[in-house]
C-alpha atoms as a PDB file:
ATOM      1  CA  MET A   1     -10.451  41.603  39.781  1.00  0.00           C
ATOM      2  CA  LYS A   2      -9.716  37.965  40.808  1.00  0.00           C
ATOM      3  CA  ARG A   3     -12.589  36.805  38.612  1.00  0.00           C
ATOM      4  CA  ILE A   4     -11.243  38.575  35.573  1.00  0.00           C
ATOM      5  CA  LEU A   5      -7.753  37.266  36.154  1.00  0.00           C
ATOM      6  CA  SER A   6      -9.079  33.754  36.621  1.00  0.00           C
ATOM      7  CA  THR A   7     -11.085  33.984  33.505  1.00  0.00           C
ATOM      8  CA  LEU A   8      -8.144  35.265  31.469  1.00  0.00           C
ATOM      9  CA  PHE A   9      -5.845  32.562  32.892  1.00  0.00           C
ATOM     10  CA  VAL A  10      -8.304  29.805  31.930  1.00  0.00           C
ATOM     11  CA  PHE A  11      -8.811  31.274  28.463  1.00  0.00           C
ATOM     12  CA  ALA A  12      -5.038  31.592  27.953  1.00  0.00           C
ATOM     13  CA  LEU A  13      -4.535  28.049  29.131  1.00  0.00           C
ATOM     14  CA  LEU A  14      -7.137  26.781  26.712  1.00  0.00           C
ATOM     15  CA  LEU A  15      -5.565  28.625  23.842  1.00  0.00           C
ATOM     16  CA  THR A  16      -2.036  27.403  24.564  1.00  0.00           C
ATOM     17  CA  SER A  17      -2.924  23.855  25.387  1.00  0.00           C
ATOM     18  CA  CYS A  18      -4.938  23.085  22.232  1.00  0.00           C
ATOM     19  CA  GLN A  19      -2.894  22.030  19.306  1.00  0.00           C
ATOM     20  CA  GLY A  20      -3.729  20.330  15.997  1.00  0.00           C
ATOM     21  CA  GLU A  21      -7.163  19.852  14.441  1.00  0.00           C
ATOM     22  CA  ASP A  22      -9.126  17.739  16.780  1.00  0.00           C
ATOM     23  CA  GLY A  23      -8.436  14.718  18.962  1.00  0.00           C
ATOM     24  CA  ILE A  24      -5.365  14.132  21.192  1.00  0.00           C
ATOM     25  CA  ASP A  25      -1.998  15.209  19.929  1.00  0.00           C
ATOM     26  CA  GLY A  26       0.729  12.658  19.706  1.00  0.00           C
ATOM     27  CA  GLN A  27       4.300  13.268  20.769  1.00  0.00           C
ATOM     28  CA  ASP A  28       5.305  14.630  17.339  1.00  0.00           C
ATOM     29  CA  GLY A  29       2.253  16.971  17.243  1.00  0.00           C
ATOM     30  CA  GLY A  30       0.243  14.701  15.025  1.00  0.00           C
ATOM     31  CA  ILE A  31      -3.238  13.615  15.914  1.00  0.00           C
ATOM     32  CA  PHE A  32      -3.508  10.300  17.766  1.00  0.00           C
ATOM     33  CA  VAL A  33      -6.145   8.117  16.256  1.00  0.00           C
ATOM     34  CA  ALA A  34      -6.478   4.444  16.872  1.00  0.00           C
ATOM     35  CA  SER A  35      -8.167   2.422  14.173  1.00  0.00           C
ATOM     36  CA  ALA A  36     -10.542  -0.457  14.911  1.00  0.00           C
ATOM     37  CA  PHE A  37     -12.787  -2.889  13.147  1.00  0.00           C
ATOM     38  CA  GLU A  38     -14.786  -5.961  13.888  1.00  0.00           C
ATOM     39  CA  ILE A  39     -14.786  -9.128  11.763  1.00  0.00           C
ATOM     40  CA  GLU A  40     -16.606 -12.433  11.929  1.00  0.00           C
ATOM     41  CA  ILE A  41     -14.695 -15.539  10.918  1.00  0.00           C
ATOM     42  CA  ASP A  42     -15.468 -19.230  10.183  1.00  0.00           C
ATOM     43  CA  PHE A  43     -12.515 -21.520  10.949  1.00  0.00           C
ATOM     44  CA  ASN A  44     -12.389 -24.817   9.014  1.00  0.00           C
ATOM     45  CA  ALA A  45     -10.130 -27.254   7.313  1.00  0.00           C
ATOM     46  CA  GLY A  46     -10.540 -25.361   4.030  1.00  0.00           C
ATOM     47  CA  ASN A  47      -8.819 -22.339   5.432  1.00  0.00           C
ATOM     48  CA  ALA A  48      -6.411 -24.407   7.608  1.00  0.00           C
ATOM     49  CA  TYR A  49      -8.092 -22.915  10.707  1.00  0.00           C
ATOM     50  CA  GLU A  50      -6.607 -19.544  10.022  1.00  0.00           C
ATOM     51  CA  TYR A  51      -7.681 -16.284   8.330  1.00  0.00           C
ATOM     52  CA  PHE A  52      -5.717 -13.265   7.043  1.00  0.00           C
ATOM     53  CA  GLU A  53      -7.301  -9.826   6.888  1.00  0.00           C
ATOM     54  CA  GLU A  54      -5.680  -6.727   5.456  1.00  0.00           C
ATOM     55  CA  TYR A  55      -6.176  -3.585   7.464  1.00  0.00           C
ATOM     56  CA  GLY A  56      -7.528  -1.346   4.837  1.00  0.00           C
ATOM     57  CA  PHE A  57      -5.816   1.674   6.398  1.00  0.00           C
ATOM     58  CA  GLN A  58      -2.210   2.751   6.994  1.00  0.00           C
ATOM     59  CA  VAL A  59      -0.423   1.015   9.851  1.00  0.00           C
ATOM     60  CA  TYR A  60       2.999   2.286  10.909  1.00  0.00           C
ATOM     61  CA  PRO A  61       5.859   0.009  11.865  1.00  0.00           C
ATOM     62  CA  SER A  62       5.683   1.203  15.509  1.00  0.00           C
ATOM     63  CA  ASP A  63       1.946   0.595  15.801  1.00  0.00           C
ATOM     64  CA  VAL A  64       0.614  -2.195  18.060  1.00  0.00           C
ATOM     65  CA  THR A  65      -2.296  -4.417  16.996  1.00  0.00           C
ATOM     66  CA  LEU A  66      -4.497  -5.797  19.717  1.00  0.00           C
ATOM     67  CA  VAL A  67      -7.209  -8.388  19.046  1.00  0.00           C
ATOM     68  CA  TYR A  68     -10.146  -9.155  21.268  1.00  0.00           C
ATOM     69  CA  ILE A  69     -12.637 -12.053  20.924  1.00  0.00           C
ATOM     70  CA  LEU A  70     -16.318 -11.710  21.699  1.00  0.00           C
ATOM     71  CA  TRP A  71     -16.421 -14.208  24.462  1.00  0.00           C
ATOM     72  CA  GLU A  72     -20.071 -13.960  25.607  1.00  0.00           C
ATOM     73  CA  THR A  73     -22.984 -11.620  26.119  1.00  0.00           C
ATOM     74  CA  ALA A  74     -24.006 -10.984  29.715  1.00  0.00           C
ATOM     75  CA  ASP A  75     -27.080  -8.953  30.597  1.00  0.00           C
ATOM     76  CA  GLY A  76     -27.130  -7.568  27.057  1.00  0.00           C
ATOM     77  CA  GLN A  77     -23.534  -6.441  27.221  1.00  0.00           C
ATOM     78  CA  ASP A  78     -20.801  -7.846  24.952  1.00  0.00           C
ATOM     79  CA  VAL A  79     -17.877  -9.316  26.894  1.00  0.00           C
ATOM     80  CA  TRP A  80     -14.577  -9.107  25.077  1.00  0.00           C
ATOM     81  CA  ARG A  81     -11.340 -10.880  26.001  1.00  0.00           C
ATOM     82  CA  LEU A  82      -7.902 -10.010  24.881  1.00  0.00           C
ATOM     83  CA  MET A  83      -6.343 -12.800  22.815  1.00  0.00           C
ATOM     84  CA  PRO A  84      -4.860 -15.288  23.106  1.00  0.00           C
ATOM     85  CA  GLN A  85      -7.667 -17.111  24.892  1.00  0.00           C
ATOM     86  CA  GLN A  86      -7.798 -20.872  25.752  1.00  0.00           C
ATOM     87  CA  VAL A  87     -10.585 -23.365  26.128  1.00  0.00           C
ATOM     88  CA  VAL A  88      -9.681 -26.581  27.974  1.00  0.00           C
ATOM     89  CA  PHE A  89     -11.656 -29.756  27.071  1.00  0.00           C
ATOM     90  CA  ASP A  90     -11.621 -32.912  29.170  1.00  0.00           C
ATOM     91  CA  GLU A  91     -10.269 -31.148  32.238  1.00  0.00           C
ATOM     92  CA  ASP A  92     -10.683 -34.184  34.488  1.00  0.00           C
ATOM     93  CA  THR A  93      -8.572 -36.549  32.409  1.00  0.00           C
ATOM     94  CA  ALA A  94      -4.904 -36.941  31.685  1.00  0.00           C
ATOM     95  CA  ASN A  95      -5.693 -36.438  28.013  1.00  0.00           C
ATOM     96  CA  GLU A  96      -6.707 -32.808  28.406  1.00  0.00           C
ATOM     97  CA  SER A  97      -7.248 -31.006  25.056  1.00  0.00           C
ATOM     98  CA  VAL A  98      -6.741 -27.237  24.624  1.00  0.00           C
ATOM     99  CA  LEU A  99      -8.078 -24.911  22.024  1.00  0.00           C
ATOM    100  CA  THR A 100      -6.299 -21.552  21.714  1.00  0.00           C
ATOM    101  CA  TYR A 101      -7.626 -18.588  19.813  1.00  0.00           C
ATOM    102  CA  ASN A 102      -4.585 -16.615  18.705  1.00  0.00           C
ATOM    103  CA  TYR A 103      -3.297 -13.934  16.325  1.00  0.00           C
ATOM    104  CA  ASP A 104      -0.226 -12.295  14.859  1.00  0.00           C
ATOM    105  CA  PHE A 105       0.205  -9.233  12.814  1.00  0.00           C
ATOM    106  CA  THR A 106       2.380  -7.399  10.321  1.00  0.00           C
ATOM    107  CA  GLN A 107       2.313  -3.877   9.012  1.00  0.00           C
ATOM    108  CA  THR A 108      -0.156  -4.916   6.324  1.00  0.00           C
ATOM    109  CA  ASP A 109      -2.442  -7.570   7.846  1.00  0.00           C
ATOM    110  CA  VAL A 110      -3.585  -9.512  10.890  1.00  0.00           C
ATOM    111  CA  ARG A 111      -3.797 -13.317  11.003  1.00  0.00           C
ATOM    112  CA  PHE A 112      -6.346 -15.023  13.236  1.00  0.00           C
ATOM    113  CA  PHE A 113      -5.714 -18.756  13.879  1.00  0.00           C
ATOM    114  CA  LEU A 114      -6.591 -21.682  16.084  1.00  0.00           C
ATOM    115  CA  ASP A 115      -3.907 -23.462  17.933  1.00  0.00           C
ATOM    116  CA  GLY A 116      -3.651 -26.200  20.594  1.00  0.00           C
ATOM    117  CA  THR A 117      -3.842 -29.860  21.233  1.00  0.00           C
ATOM    118  CA  VAL A 118      -7.508 -30.480  20.321  1.00  0.00           C
ATOM    119  CA  ASP A 119      -8.599 -31.974  17.013  1.00  0.00           C
ATOM    120  CA  PHE A 120     -10.271 -28.905  15.450  1.00  0.00           C
ATOM    121  CA  SER A 121     -12.525 -31.012  13.222  1.00  0.00           C
ATOM    122  CA  ALA A 122     -13.848 -32.903  16.325  1.00  0.00           C
ATOM    123  CA  ILE A 123     -15.062 -29.936  18.329  1.00  0.00           C
ATOM    124  CA  GLY A 124     -18.450 -28.294  17.935  1.00  0.00           C
ATOM    125  CA  THR A 125     -19.173 -25.480  15.540  1.00  0.00           C
ATOM    126  CA  GLU A 126     -19.719 -23.118  18.468  1.00  0.00           C
ATOM    127  CA  TRP A 127     -15.951 -23.027  18.768  1.00  0.00           C
ATOM    128  CA  THR A 128     -15.091 -22.565  15.064  1.00  0.00           C
ATOM    129  CA  GLN A 129     -17.989 -20.816  13.305  1.00  0.00           C
ATOM    130  CA  ASN A 130     -19.204 -17.163  13.448  1.00  0.00           C
ATOM    131  CA  GLN A 131     -16.347 -16.070  15.794  1.00  0.00           C
ATOM    132  CA  THR A 132     -16.381 -12.281  16.213  1.00  0.00           C
ATOM    133  CA  PHE A 133     -13.143 -10.368  16.732  1.00  0.00           C
ATOM    134  CA  ARG A 134     -12.359  -6.699  17.372  1.00  0.00           C
ATOM    135  CA  VAL A 135      -9.053  -5.478  16.020  1.00  0.00           C
ATOM    136  CA  VAL A 136      -7.592  -2.288  17.485  1.00  0.00           C
ATOM    137  CA  VAL A 137      -4.423  -0.732  16.051  1.00  0.00           C
ATOM    138  CA  VAL A 138      -2.890   1.674  18.575  1.00  0.00           C
ATOM    139  CA  PRO A 139       0.156   3.858  18.043  1.00  0.00           C
ATOM    140  CA  ALA A 140       2.946   2.412  20.155  1.00  0.00           C
ATOM    141  CA  ASP A 141       3.782   5.741  21.810  1.00  0.00           C
ATOM    142  CA  ASN A 142       0.322   5.725  23.499  1.00  0.00           C
ATOM    143  CA  ILE A 143       0.110   2.049  24.679  1.00  0.00           C
ATOM    144  CA  ASP A 144       2.511   2.103  27.676  1.00  0.00           C
ATOM    145  CA  ALA A 145       0.064   3.171  30.396  1.00  0.00           C
ATOM    146  CA  VAL A 146      -2.967   1.306  29.135  1.00  0.00           C
ATOM    147  CA  ASP A 147      -4.472  -1.901  30.560  1.00  0.00           C
ATOM    148  CA  THR A 148      -4.654  -3.776  27.291  1.00  0.00           C
ATOM    149  CA  SER A 149      -6.703  -6.587  28.779  1.00  0.00           C
ATOM    150  CA  SER A 150      -9.618  -4.080  29.036  1.00  0.00           C
ATOM    151  CA  ILE A 151     -11.101  -3.171  25.605  1.00  0.00           C
ATOM    152  CA  GLU A 152     -12.827  -0.211  27.273  1.00  0.00           C
ATOM    153  CA  ASP A 153      -9.460   1.204  28.465  1.00  0.00           C
ATOM    154  CA  VAL A 154      -7.881   0.739  25.031  1.00  0.00           C
ATOM    155  CA  MET A 155     -10.883   2.467  23.334  1.00  0.00           C
ATOM    156  CA  GLU A 156     -10.520   5.359  25.851  1.00  0.00           C
ATOM    157  CA  VAL A 157      -6.875   6.008  25.057  1.00  0.00           C
ATOM    158  CA  GLY A 158      -7.749   8.095  22.047  1.00  0.00           C
ATOM    159  CA  ARG A 159     -10.349   8.703  19.505  1.00  0.00           C
ATOM    160  CA  ILE A 160     -11.023   5.364  17.787  1.00  0.00           C
ATOM    161  CA  GLN A 161     -11.649   5.318  14.118  1.00  0.00           C
ATOM    162  CA  ALA A 162     -13.859   2.433  13.277  1.00  0.00           C
ATOM    163  CA  PHE A 163     -13.807   0.685   9.936  1.00  0.00           C
ATOM    164  CA  GLU A 164     -16.572  -1.743   8.904  1.00  0.00           C
ATOM    165  CA  LYS A 165     -15.287  -5.039   7.538  1.00  0.00           C
ATOM    166  CA  LYS A 166     -17.337  -7.593   5.709  1.00  0.00           C
END
């Protein structure tokens, strides 16, 4: 008898706890889907060391955009860092130069840009060319308890809908 009651309880729990089509339900009963895409950018004087990219999908005013930069590859694994990220040149001198990879966003686009005290035209192309970024747009209601410095944690928050950018 206990087995039958346990089975009925689990079955009832499953039926009452599932709501919506698929994925994790948001607070208003809608499905929580974070959107993400990767983009490779060349920064140069011609684009004023900045680049604008439209999302290509709907972003709500309360959504949060997070951008990660592909920092390195270690043991075949991509290592992503949450922006902004800084590189310090000439650390041992009083004339220390800093390069900052940064971003800002609106409801329609995200802007990637270089900032800092370094002369962008004087640094090597490894700092300005073929820079890969991952953009994740997360509904704000779901971002509170997430460690945003970890791209894996952000991707785990909900089902991520990936868009391929060229």
